[in-house]
Amino acid sequence: MGAWQPLPEDLPPEVRHFVEQLRLLKDGTGLSLAALGARTAYSKSSWQRYLNAGQPPPRQTAAALCRVAGLTGADAERHTVRWEMAVKVWPRPAAVPETDAVAEGAAQVETTRTHDAHDAYETHETHEAYEEVPTVPWWDRPEERPRPGPGGRLLLYAVVLLAALVLTAVVGTLALG
């Protein structure tokens, strides 16, 4: 804990603040990255990338870390807001510049791959590229409350009917006696 790599100097302030807050939150849990990975849906290496500003995390990582750290309500919401602000300005990956390669074919393949990846990245807004993943781990889903089925109502009617029969029998016995 606390032995973090220095963040890149050219990080936007929103990204720096978000990552620093995630680091503080993670350190506050007392968990190693491996233990944090075991308690969330994200691996140790994913947490390393997120906490060293190597890659913007999905929205749910902040929620998962807040859950593990025991934060709820407004405290947890602050981390989501920080995530939203950071992702809007998160630096895009730099394209690999073309170099004089010994094997021109290898350079062409790498250049094509880099440009394709960069073009694919460019087609999405930065904010939209890191939207919430539609699949949520089972431990982050809200608890489902069982709805009372017809069996519960039927049992209630049976008890009321039984009480009415017992009351009728008692009143009838007293009236005859």
Protein backbone atom coordinates (compact mmCIF):
# COMPACT_ATOMS: atom_id res chain seq x y z
CA MET A 1 0.00 0.00 0.00
CA GLY A 2 1.16 3.52 -0.74
CA ALA A 3 3.98 2.45 -3.12
CA TRP A 4 2.27 3.69 -6.24
CA GLN A 5 3.97 4.51 -9.51
CA PRO A 6 4.06 8.25 -10.14
CA LEU A 7 1.27 9.32 -12.46
CA PRO A 8 2.24 10.75 -15.86
CA GLU A 9 2.88 14.49 -15.72
CA ASP A 10 0.63 15.25 -18.69
CA LEU A 11 -2.54 13.79 -17.15
CA PRO A 12 -5.51 16.14 -17.10
CA PRO A 13 -6.37 17.28 -13.54
CA GLU A 14 -9.72 15.43 -13.60
CA VAL A 15 -8.01 12.14 -14.43
CA ARG A 16 -5.27 12.71 -11.85
CA HIS A 17 -7.82 13.50 -9.13
CA PHE A 18 -9.98 10.48 -10.00
CA VAL A 19 -7.05 8.06 -9.98
CA GLU A 20 -5.67 9.54 -6.74
CA GLN A 21 -9.08 9.12 -5.09
CA LEU A 22 -9.32 5.52 -6.31
CA ARG A 23 -5.85 4.87 -4.90
CA LEU A 24 -6.83 6.34 -1.53
CA LEU A 25 -10.00 4.28 -1.49
CA LYS A 26 -8.11 1.10 -2.41
CA ASP A 27 -5.44 1.78 0.24
CA GLY A 28 -8.21 2.33 2.79
CA THR A 29 -9.51 -1.19 2.21
CA GLY A 30 -6.18 -2.70 3.26
CA LEU A 31 -6.48 -5.20 0.40
CA SER A 32 -3.77 -6.13 -2.06
CA LEU A 33 -4.54 -5.84 -5.74
CA ALA A 34 -4.94 -9.62 -5.92
CA ALA A 35 -7.39 -9.59 -3.00
CA LEU A 36 -9.25 -6.64 -4.54
CA GLY A 37 -9.46 -8.58 -7.80
CA ALA A 38 -10.89 -11.57 -5.92
CA ARG A 39 -13.58 -9.39 -4.33
CA THR A 40 -14.60 -7.64 -7.56
CA ALA A 41 -15.19 -8.57 -11.18
CA TYR A 42 -11.83 -7.12 -12.22
CA SER A 43 -8.44 -8.85 -12.29
CA LYS A 44 -5.30 -7.74 -10.50
CA SER A 45 -3.77 -6.60 -13.80
CA SER A 46 -6.91 -4.59 -14.64
CA TRP A 47 -6.72 -2.84 -11.27
CA GLN A 48 -3.04 -2.09 -11.92
CA ARG A 49 -3.91 -0.42 -15.23
CA TYR A 50 -6.77 1.57 -13.69
CA LEU A 51 -4.84 2.68 -10.59
CA ASN A 52 -1.77 3.70 -12.62
CA ALA A 53 -3.86 5.66 -15.16
CA GLY A 54 -2.83 3.31 -17.95
CA GLN A 55 -6.41 2.75 -19.04
CA PRO A 56 -9.74 4.32 -18.14
CA PRO A 57 -11.77 1.93 -16.03
CA PRO A 58 -15.38 0.98 -16.75
CA ARG A 59 -17.94 2.88 -14.69
CA GLN A 60 -18.61 -0.17 -12.54
CA THR A 61 -15.07 -0.30 -11.18
CA ALA A 62 -15.69 2.78 -9.05
CA ALA A 63 -18.94 1.24 -7.81
CA ALA A 64 -17.21 -2.07 -7.08
CA LEU A 65 -14.40 -0.39 -5.15
CA CYS A 66 -16.90 1.72 -3.19
CA ARG A 67 -18.83 -1.43 -2.31
CA VAL A 68 -15.69 -3.20 -1.10
CA ALA A 69 -14.65 -0.10 0.87
CA GLY A 70 -18.10 0.16 2.47
CA LEU A 71 -19.04 3.50 0.89
CA THR A 72 -22.69 4.14 0.09
CA GLY A 73 -24.98 6.98 -0.83
CA ALA A 74 -23.46 10.37 -1.56
CA ASP A 75 -19.91 9.18 -0.88
CA ALA A 76 -20.20 6.48 -3.52
CA GLU A 77 -21.95 8.86 -5.92
CA ARG A 78 -18.97 11.27 -5.74
CA HIS A 79 -16.74 8.57 -7.21
CA THR A 80 -19.18 8.03 -10.07
CA VAL A 81 -19.20 11.77 -10.80
CA ARG A 82 -15.39 11.83 -10.69
CA TRP A 83 -15.37 8.91 -13.13
CA GLU A 84 -17.68 10.78 -15.53
CA MET A 85 -15.51 13.90 -15.46
CA ALA A 86 -12.26 11.92 -15.87
CA VAL A 87 -13.44 9.76 -18.76
CA LYS A 88 -14.47 12.83 -20.76
CA VAL A 89 -10.87 14.07 -20.82
CA TRP A 90 -8.91 10.81 -20.49
CA PRO A 91 -5.97 10.91 -22.92
CA ARG A 92 -6.42 8.77 -25.99
CA PRO A 93 -3.74 6.22 -26.74
CA ALA A 94 -1.01 7.62 -28.96
CA ALA A 95 -0.66 6.07 -32.37
CA VAL A 96 2.65 4.36 -32.95
CA PRO A 97 4.58 6.49 -35.43
CA GLU A 98 5.86 4.84 -38.57
CA THR A 99 9.52 3.91 -38.35
CA ASP A 100 12.14 2.68 -40.79
CA ALA A 101 11.70 -1.01 -40.19
CA VAL A 102 14.12 -3.61 -41.48
CA ALA A 103 11.21 -5.64 -42.77
CA GLU A 104 8.93 -3.30 -44.67
CA GLY A 105 6.11 -5.85 -44.62
CA ALA A 106 6.18 -6.01 -40.79
CA ALA A 107 6.11 -2.23 -40.59
CA GLN A 108 3.16 -2.09 -42.96
CA VAL A 109 1.22 -4.66 -40.93
CA GLU A 110 1.96 -2.82 -37.67
CA THR A 111 1.06 0.54 -39.21
CA THR A 112 -2.20 -0.85 -40.57
CA ARG A 113 -3.04 -2.44 -37.24
CA THR A 114 -2.23 0.78 -35.36
CA HIS A 115 -4.25 2.95 -37.73
CA ASP A 116 -7.19 0.53 -37.65
CA ALA A 117 -7.18 0.54 -33.85
CA HIS A 118 -6.80 4.31 -33.78
CA ASP A 119 -9.60 4.75 -36.36
CA ALA A 120 -11.85 2.41 -34.40
CA TYR A 121 -11.10 4.39 -31.26
CA GLU A 122 -11.72 7.68 -33.06
CA THR A 123 -15.21 6.61 -34.16
CA HIS A 124 -16.45 6.69 -30.56
CA GLU A 125 -16.71 9.63 -28.25
CA THR A 126 -14.26 9.14 -25.41
CA HIS A 127 -17.10 9.23 -22.89
CA GLU A 128 -19.19 6.74 -24.84
CA ALA A 129 -16.32 4.29 -25.25
CA TYR A 130 -16.24 3.67 -21.50
CA GLU A 131 -19.92 3.49 -20.73
CA GLU A 132 -21.32 1.02 -18.29
CA VAL A 133 -21.00 -2.59 -19.34
CA PRO A 134 -24.47 -4.15 -19.67
CA THR A 135 -23.54 -7.26 -17.70
CA VAL A 136 -23.39 -6.75 -13.96
CA PRO A 137 -21.79 -9.28 -11.64
CA TRP A 138 -24.32 -11.02 -9.42
CA TRP A 139 -22.88 -9.40 -6.28
CA ASP A 140 -23.51 -5.89 -7.66
CA ARG A 141 -27.13 -6.54 -8.61
CA PRO A 142 -29.83 -5.15 -6.33
CA GLU A 143 -31.46 -7.75 -4.15
CA GLU A 144 -34.66 -9.12 -5.57
CA ARG A 145 -37.48 -9.19 -3.09
CA PRO A 146 -39.85 -12.13 -3.51
CA ARG A 147 -43.34 -11.06 -4.47
CA PRO A 148 -46.17 -12.59 -2.54
CA GLY A 149 -47.76 -15.20 -4.77
CA PRO A 150 -51.33 -16.45 -4.78
CA GLY A 151 -50.38 -19.08 -2.17
CA GLY A 152 -49.89 -16.38 0.48
CA ARG A 153 -53.28 -14.85 -0.20
CA LEU A 154 -54.96 -18.25 -0.29
CA LEU A 155 -53.48 -19.12 3.10
CA LEU A 156 -54.75 -15.83 4.51
CA TYR A 157 -58.28 -16.57 3.23
CA ALA A 158 -58.16 -20.07 4.75
CA VAL A 159 -57.13 -18.71 8.17
CA VAL A 160 -59.88 -16.05 8.09
CA LEU A 161 -62.47 -18.67 7.08
CA LEU A 162 -61.28 -21.04 9.85
CA ALA A 163 -61.49 -18.24 12.41
CA ALA A 164 -65.03 -17.42 11.23
CA LEU A 165 -66.06 -21.10 11.56
CA VAL A 166 -64.57 -21.39 15.06
CA LEU A 167 -66.27 -18.15 16.10
CA THR A 168 -69.60 -19.39 14.68
CA ALA A 169 -69.24 -22.69 16.54
CA VAL A 170 -68.45 -20.93 19.83
CA VAL A 171 -71.35 -18.51 19.46
CA GLY A 172 -73.71 -21.37 18.51
CA THR A 173 -72.62 -23.43 21.51
CA LEU A 174 -73.14 -20.50 23.87
CA ALA A 175 -76.55 -19.71 22.37
CA LEU A 176 -77.77 -23.32 22.79
CA GLY A 177 -76.29 -23.79 26.20
